Protein backbone atom coordinates (compact mmCIF):
# COMPACT_ATOMS: atom_id res chain seq x y z
CA MET A 1 86.80 66.31 83.31
CA ILE A 2 88.72 66.87 80.05
CA PRO A 3 92.24 65.37 80.25
CA LEU A 4 95.10 67.81 79.86
CA ALA A 5 97.07 67.71 76.65
CA ARG A 6 100.62 66.45 77.07
CA LEU A 7 103.48 68.81 76.38
CA ASN A 8 104.74 68.58 72.81
CA VAL A 9 108.19 67.08 73.42
CA LYS A 10 110.11 64.11 72.06
CA PRO A 11 109.98 61.00 74.28
CA THR A 12 113.72 60.81 74.96
CA ARG A 13 115.71 60.32 78.16
CA MET A 14 117.17 63.80 77.83
CA GLU A 15 113.67 65.35 77.66
CA LEU A 16 112.61 63.16 80.59
CA THR A 17 115.46 64.53 82.71
CA LYS A 18 114.60 68.11 81.73
CA LEU A 19 110.91 67.61 82.53
CA LYS A 20 111.64 66.05 85.91
CA HIS A 21 113.83 69.04 86.81
CA ARG A 22 111.13 71.41 85.58
CA LEU A 23 108.54 69.58 87.70
CA VAL A 24 110.69 69.95 90.83
CA VAL A 25 111.11 73.69 90.15
CA SER A 26 107.39 74.12 89.44
CA LYS A 27 106.39 72.38 92.68
CA ARG A 28 108.84 74.49 94.65
CA GLY A 29 107.51 77.64 92.96
CA HIS A 30 103.95 76.57 93.69
CA LYS A 31 104.74 76.16 97.39
CA LEU A 32 106.44 79.56 97.58
CA LEU A 33 103.54 81.26 95.81
CA LYS A 34 101.01 79.47 98.03
CA ASP A 35 102.91 80.61 101.14
CA LYS A 36 102.98 84.15 99.74
CA GLN A 37 99.25 84.03 99.03
CA ASP A 38 98.50 82.82 102.56
CA GLU A 39 100.64 85.57 104.14
CA LEU A 40 99.10 88.24 101.89
CA MET A 41 95.64 87.04 102.91
CA ARG A 42 96.59 87.15 106.59
CA GLN A 43 97.87 90.71 106.33
CA PHE A 44 94.92 91.73 104.14
CA ILE A 45 92.36 90.44 106.67
CA GLU A 46 94.25 92.19 109.48
CA LEU A 47 94.18 95.47 107.55
CA ILE A 48 90.49 95.09 106.67
CA ARG A 49 89.67 94.68 110.37
CA LYS A 50 91.73 97.76 111.20
CA ASN A 51 90.08 99.61 108.32
CA ASN A 52 86.59 98.76 109.58
CA ALA A 53 87.45 99.79 113.14
CA LEU A 54 88.87 103.11 111.94
CA ARG A 55 85.92 103.75 109.67
CA GLU A 56 83.50 103.24 112.54
CA ALA A 57 85.55 105.62 114.65
CA VAL A 58 85.65 108.46 112.10
CA GLU A 59 82.23 108.41 110.48
CA ALA A 60 80.24 111.41 111.64
CA LYS A 61 76.47 111.06 111.42
CA ALA A 62 75.37 114.66 110.94
CA THR A 63 71.71 115.35 110.04
CA LEU A 64 72.40 118.63 108.22
CA GLU A 65 71.90 119.42 104.56
CA GLU A 66 74.74 118.33 102.29
CA ALA A 67 75.14 121.89 100.97
CA PHE A 68 75.81 123.21 104.47
CA ILE A 69 78.35 120.48 105.18
CA GLU A 70 80.20 121.38 101.96
CA GLU A 71 80.15 125.06 103.00
CA LEU A 72 81.48 124.12 106.42
CA VAL A 73 84.59 122.37 105.04
CA ALA A 74 85.10 124.62 101.99
CA ILE A 75 87.73 126.69 103.79
CA PRO A 76 89.33 124.38 106.31
CA PRO A 77 91.30 125.93 109.16
CA GLN A 78 94.12 123.41 108.72
CA SER A 79 96.29 122.19 105.85
CA VAL A 80 97.87 118.79 105.50
CA SER A 81 101.20 118.14 103.81
CA LEU A 82 102.04 114.64 102.68
CA ASP A 83 105.38 112.87 102.61
CA LEU A 84 104.76 109.75 100.51
CA GLN A 85 107.16 106.81 100.76
CA GLU A 86 106.88 103.11 100.02
CA LYS A 87 107.22 99.97 102.06
CA ASN A 88 107.52 96.38 100.89
CA ILE A 89 104.90 93.82 101.96
CA MET A 90 105.65 90.43 100.38
CA SER A 91 107.07 92.08 97.22
CA VAL A 92 104.14 94.50 97.04
CA TYR A 93 105.12 98.16 97.31
CA VAL A 94 102.44 99.94 99.31
CA PRO A 95 102.25 103.61 100.34
CA GLU A 96 103.62 104.76 103.66
CA MET A 97 102.15 108.19 104.27
CA HIS A 98 103.52 110.67 106.76
CA PHE A 99 101.21 113.62 107.34
CA THR A 100 101.96 117.01 108.82
CA VAL A 101 98.93 119.02 109.95
CA LYS A 102 99.40 122.80 110.02
CA ASP A 103 96.95 125.43 111.28
CA GLU A 104 96.18 127.97 108.56
CA THR A 105 94.79 130.55 110.95
CA GLU A 106 95.43 131.54 114.52
CA GLU A 107 92.07 130.07 115.39
CA SER A 108 92.04 126.48 114.21
CA ASP A 109 88.33 125.86 114.77
CA PHE A 110 85.78 125.46 111.99
CA LYS A 111 83.63 128.58 111.51
CA TYR A 112 79.91 128.18 110.89
CA GLY A 113 76.73 130.02 111.72
CA TYR A 114 74.61 129.06 114.72
CA LEU A 115 71.38 129.28 112.70
CA ASN A 116 72.43 126.40 110.46
CA SER A 117 73.87 124.25 113.19
CA ASN A 118 72.63 121.99 115.91
CA SER A 119 74.17 119.91 118.68
CA GLU A 120 74.82 117.06 116.24
CA ILE A 121 76.93 119.19 113.88
CA ASP A 122 78.79 120.63 116.88
CA ASP A 123 79.61 117.07 117.94
CA SER A 124 80.52 116.13 114.36
CA VAL A 125 82.91 119.07 113.96
CA GLU A 126 84.60 118.16 117.23
CA GLN A 127 84.87 114.53 116.16
CA ILE A 128 86.32 115.46 112.75
CA SER A 129 88.98 117.58 114.45
CA ASN A 130 89.78 114.81 116.92
CA VAL A 131 90.01 112.00 114.38
CA LEU A 132 91.90 113.77 111.60
CA ASN A 133 94.93 111.52 112.08
CA GLU A 134 92.68 108.45 111.93
CA LEU A 135 91.12 109.74 108.70
CA LEU A 136 94.55 110.14 107.16
CA GLU A 137 95.59 106.70 108.36
CA LEU A 138 92.39 105.31 106.84
CA THR A 139 93.49 106.68 103.45
CA GLU A 140 96.77 104.78 103.69
CA ILE A 141 95.12 101.55 104.83
CA GLU A 142 92.46 101.60 102.10
CA LYS A 143 95.08 102.12 99.37
CA THR A 144 97.21 99.35 100.86
CA CYS A 145 94.19 97.02 100.94
CA GLN A 146 93.50 97.76 97.28
CA LEU A 147 97.10 96.97 96.25
CA LEU A 148 97.20 93.80 98.36
CA ALA A 149 93.88 92.63 96.91
CA ASP A 150 95.28 93.07 93.37
CA GLU A 151 98.42 91.12 94.28
CA ILE A 152 96.40 88.36 95.98
CA GLU A 153 94.36 87.93 92.79
CA LYS A 154 97.51 87.80 90.61
CA THR A 155 99.14 85.30 92.97
CA ARG A 156 95.96 83.18 93.08
CA ARG A 157 95.94 82.97 89.26
CA ARG A 158 99.60 81.91 89.20
CA VAL A 159 99.04 79.31 91.94
CA ASN A 160 96.06 77.88 90.06
CA ALA A 161 97.93 77.85 86.75
CA LEU A 162 100.71 75.81 88.33
CA GLU A 163 98.45 73.56 90.41
CA TYR A 164 95.77 72.77 87.84
CA ARG A 165 97.60 73.13 84.54
CA LEU A 166 101.39 73.08 84.36
CA ILE A 167 102.18 70.56 87.13
CA PRO A 168 99.57 68.02 85.92
CA GLN A 169 100.80 68.49 82.34
CA LEU A 170 104.38 67.83 83.40
CA GLU A 171 103.37 64.76 85.41
CA GLU A 172 101.28 63.42 82.53
CA THR A 173 104.10 64.03 80.02
CA ILE A 174 106.70 62.41 82.30
CA TYR A 175 104.45 59.37 82.74
CA PHE A 176 103.93 59.14 78.96
CA ILE A 177 107.68 59.34 78.22
CA GLU A 178 108.52 56.75 80.89
CA MET A 179 105.91 54.37 79.44
CA LYS A 180 107.20 55.02 75.92
CA LEU A 181 110.83 54.42 76.94
CA GLU A 182 109.87 51.20 78.75
CA GLU A 183 107.92 50.07 75.68
CA ASN A 184 110.90 50.84 73.42
CA GLU A 185 113.21 49.01 75.82
CA ARG A 186 110.97 45.93 75.85
CA ALA A 187 110.75 46.00 72.04
CA SER A 188 114.53 46.32 71.84
CA ILE A 189 115.05 43.36 74.21
CA THR A 190 112.55 41.28 72.21
CA ARG A 191 114.45 42.05 68.96
CA ILE A 192 117.78 41.13 70.57
CA MET A 193 116.36 37.84 71.81
CA LYS A 194 114.95 37.02 68.38
CA VAL A 195 118.27 37.78 66.74
CA LYS A 196 120.02 35.63 69.34
CA ASP A 197 117.59 32.74 68.75
CA MET A 198 118.10 33.03 65.01
CA GLY A 199 121.85 32.93 65.47
CA GLN A 200 121.64 29.83 67.62
CA LYS A 201 119.54 28.05 64.98
């Protein structure tokens, strides 16, 4: 392992005091960031589990041609309006979506021909209608997961930078200055003793 370079500072008592204070602040910051990272991970895992459960609930497994499915949903019988707000999760602003579903026609059912359909598409259409709210919630959760994942990665980099670079550098520099000051103090005492001996002679 390559030793870290010491910080480029003068080995004085004033610098030593500054570095010790900086080390205390860095360690405190590291702990706060680590706690934040742990809480973000906890909430992220919780959301991923919810996301997976919702996805399983809303995925329709129709066996029809893709072209027919696109035709089926080309003119949906309902419209969705979105009220987009934000909420704060550990200093990460994530979307909070409030949806309003409105029927566009008096008959809110999907319209499709019987020749192109089968019992599976009938079931799928019914499921899509029943799980619309879950689909919309899934959108919010997936976006939140993406934002939390980005913040977790940023926080991880900052934690690592403190833990493996800055804090060891500060500790190494503090140790070097303390050794240098002790060496200077010993040299100074030796000189004083020599001068004293010379005076006595």
